Amino acid sequence: MVNRELHSCIICGYYDEEFLPWGLDGEFPLYEICPCCGAESGYEDFTLESTIHYRDKWIKSTKFNADKKYKKQLVNYIEYLK
């Protein structure tokens, strides 16, 4: 079974089984760029404060607000983490 958390962007909730922003152990960033929101793992999501900042920036972006699927993606990710 795939660990969805390891394969998801912490900022926007983008999920892909080939995407491993924080590696297989979830401890060390691979500095991958999210193909959805453009956040760089290990930089934009390194601390809680930076995650909140860049998630807020993503939510206010034109791309996020252009399609309802992005809001659903983020809500689904947050629900998954609960």
C-alpha atoms as a PDB file:
ATOM      1  CA  MET A   1       0.000   0.000   0.000  1.00  0.00           C
ATOM      2  CA  VAL A   2       1.272   3.457  -0.937  1.00  0.00           C
ATOM      3  CA  ASN A   3       1.677   6.004   1.842  1.00  0.00           C
ATOM      4  CA  ARG A   4      -0.260   8.941   0.393  1.00  0.00           C
ATOM      5  CA  GLU A   5       1.426  11.419   2.734  1.00  0.00           C
ATOM      6  CA  LEU A   6       4.885  10.608   1.314  1.00  0.00           C
ATOM      7  CA  HIS A   7       3.630  11.187  -2.235  1.00  0.00           C
ATOM      8  CA  SER A   8       1.768  14.460  -1.616  1.00  0.00           C
ATOM      9  CA  CYS A   9       2.709  18.118  -1.674  1.00  0.00           C
ATOM     10  CA  ILE A  10       2.373  19.577   1.805  1.00  0.00           C
ATOM     11  CA  ILE A  11       1.373  22.959   0.362  1.00  0.00           C
ATOM     12  CA  CYS A  12      -1.409  22.077  -2.102  1.00  0.00           C
ATOM     13  CA  GLY A  13      -2.160  18.394  -1.544  1.00  0.00           C
ATOM     14  CA  TYR A  14      -1.103  17.299  -5.040  1.00  0.00           C
ATOM     15  CA  TYR A  15      -0.713  13.506  -5.113  1.00  0.00           C
ATOM     16  CA  ASP A  16       1.232  11.283  -7.491  1.00  0.00           C
ATOM     17  CA  GLU A  17       2.833   7.914  -6.744  1.00  0.00           C
ATOM     18  CA  GLU A  18       5.982   9.053  -8.595  1.00  0.00           C
ATOM     19  CA  PHE A  19       6.237  12.275  -6.564  1.00  0.00           C
ATOM     20  CA  LEU A  20       8.340  11.971  -3.373  1.00  0.00           C
ATOM     21  CA  PRO A  21       9.017  15.488  -2.095  1.00  0.00           C
ATOM     22  CA  TRP A  22      10.477  14.277   1.213  1.00  0.00           C
ATOM     23  CA  GLY A  23      11.892  10.918   0.075  1.00  0.00           C
ATOM     24  CA  LEU A  24      10.841   7.409   1.050  1.00  0.00           C
ATOM     25  CA  ASP A  25      11.385   8.011   4.753  1.00  0.00           C
ATOM     26  CA  GLY A  26       9.641  11.412   4.857  1.00  0.00           C
ATOM     27  CA  GLU A  27      12.596  12.863   6.764  1.00  0.00           C
ATOM     28  CA  PHE A  28      14.870  14.427   4.157  1.00  0.00           C
ATOM     29  CA  PRO A  29      13.633  16.739   1.389  1.00  0.00           C
ATOM     30  CA  LEU A  30      14.508  15.952  -2.204  1.00  0.00           C
ATOM     31  CA  TYR A  31      13.937  19.594  -3.199  1.00  0.00           C
ATOM     32  CA  GLU A  32      11.388  18.570  -5.815  1.00  0.00           C
ATOM     33  CA  ILE A  33       9.167  21.190  -7.417  1.00  0.00           C
ATOM     34  CA  CYS A  34       5.460  20.417  -7.148  1.00  0.00           C
ATOM     35  CA  PRO A  35       3.982  20.245 -10.653  1.00  0.00           C
ATOM     36  CA  CYS A  36       0.728  21.697  -9.310  1.00  0.00           C
ATOM     37  CA  CYS A  37       1.601  24.696  -7.113  1.00  0.00           C
ATOM     38  CA  GLY A  38       5.317  25.088  -7.845  1.00  0.00           C
ATOM     39  CA  ALA A  39       6.414  24.770  -4.206  1.00  0.00           C
ATOM     40  CA  GLU A  40       9.883  23.341  -3.595  1.00  0.00           C
ATOM     41  CA  SER A  41      10.026  20.624  -0.944  1.00  0.00           C
ATOM     42  CA  GLY A  42      12.537  21.392   1.766  1.00  0.00           C
ATOM     43  CA  TYR A  43      12.193  25.116   1.157  1.00  0.00           C
ATOM     44  CA  GLU A  44       8.572  26.279   1.042  1.00  0.00           C
ATOM     45  CA  ASP A  45       7.469  23.476   3.384  1.00  0.00           C
ATOM     46  CA  PHE A  46      10.470  23.277   5.710  1.00  0.00           C
ATOM     47  CA  THR A  47       8.781  24.765   8.777  1.00  0.00           C
ATOM     48  CA  LEU A  48       5.187  25.111   9.895  1.00  0.00           C
ATOM     49  CA  GLU A  49       5.441  28.861   9.378  1.00  0.00           C
ATOM     50  CA  SER A  50       6.746  28.524   5.820  1.00  0.00           C
ATOM     51  CA  THR A  51       4.098  25.908   5.031  1.00  0.00           C
ATOM     52  CA  ILE A  52       1.340  28.222   6.280  1.00  0.00           C
ATOM     53  CA  HIS A  53       2.817  31.156   4.346  1.00  0.00           C
ATOM     54  CA  TYR A  54       3.116  29.309   1.035  1.00  0.00           C
ATOM     55  CA  ARG A  55      -0.236  27.545   1.420  1.00  0.00           C
ATOM     56  CA  ASP A  56      -1.850  30.950   1.951  1.00  0.00           C
ATOM     57  CA  LYS A  57      -0.013  32.237  -1.121  1.00  0.00           C
ATOM     58  CA  TRP A  58      -1.278  29.199  -3.105  1.00  0.00           C
ATOM     59  CA  ILE A  59      -4.880  29.727  -1.944  1.00  0.00           C
ATOM     60  CA  LYS A  60      -4.724  33.361  -3.091  1.00  0.00           C
ATOM     61  CA  SER A  61      -3.188  32.468  -6.473  1.00  0.00           C
ATOM     62  CA  THR A  62      -4.983  32.845  -9.773  1.00  0.00           C
ATOM     63  CA  LYS A  63      -4.410  29.174 -10.635  1.00  0.00           C
ATOM     64  CA  PHE A  64      -5.958  27.943  -7.368  1.00  0.00           C
ATOM     65  CA  ASN A  65      -9.004  30.121  -7.848  1.00  0.00           C
ATOM     66  CA  ALA A  66      -9.402  29.227 -11.530  1.00  0.00           C
ATOM     67  CA  ASP A  67     -10.532  25.644 -10.916  1.00  0.00           C
ATOM     68  CA  LYS A  68     -12.524  24.066  -8.070  1.00  0.00           C
ATOM     69  CA  LYS A  69     -10.458  20.864  -8.332  1.00  0.00           C
ATOM     70  CA  TYR A  70      -7.562  22.558  -6.492  1.00  0.00           C
ATOM     71  CA  LYS A  71      -9.713  23.373  -3.466  1.00  0.00           C
ATOM     72  CA  LYS A  72     -11.070  19.809  -3.447  1.00  0.00           C
ATOM     73  CA  GLN A  73      -7.496  18.460  -3.717  1.00  0.00           C
ATOM     74  CA  LEU A  74      -6.361  20.503  -0.706  1.00  0.00           C
ATOM     75  CA  VAL A  75      -9.456  19.641   1.358  1.00  0.00           C
ATOM     76  CA  ASN A  76      -9.002  15.932   0.581  1.00  0.00           C
ATOM     77  CA  TYR A  77      -5.341  16.098   1.645  1.00  0.00           C
ATOM     78  CA  ILE A  78      -6.146  17.870   4.912  1.00  0.00           C
ATOM     79  CA  GLU A  79      -8.912  15.355   5.644  1.00  0.00           C
ATOM     80  CA  TYR A  80      -6.503  12.496   4.915  1.00  0.00           C
ATOM     81  CA  LEU A  81      -4.066  13.852   7.494  1.00  0.00           C
ATOM     82  CA  LYS A  82      -6.678  13.875  10.277  1.00  0.00           C
END
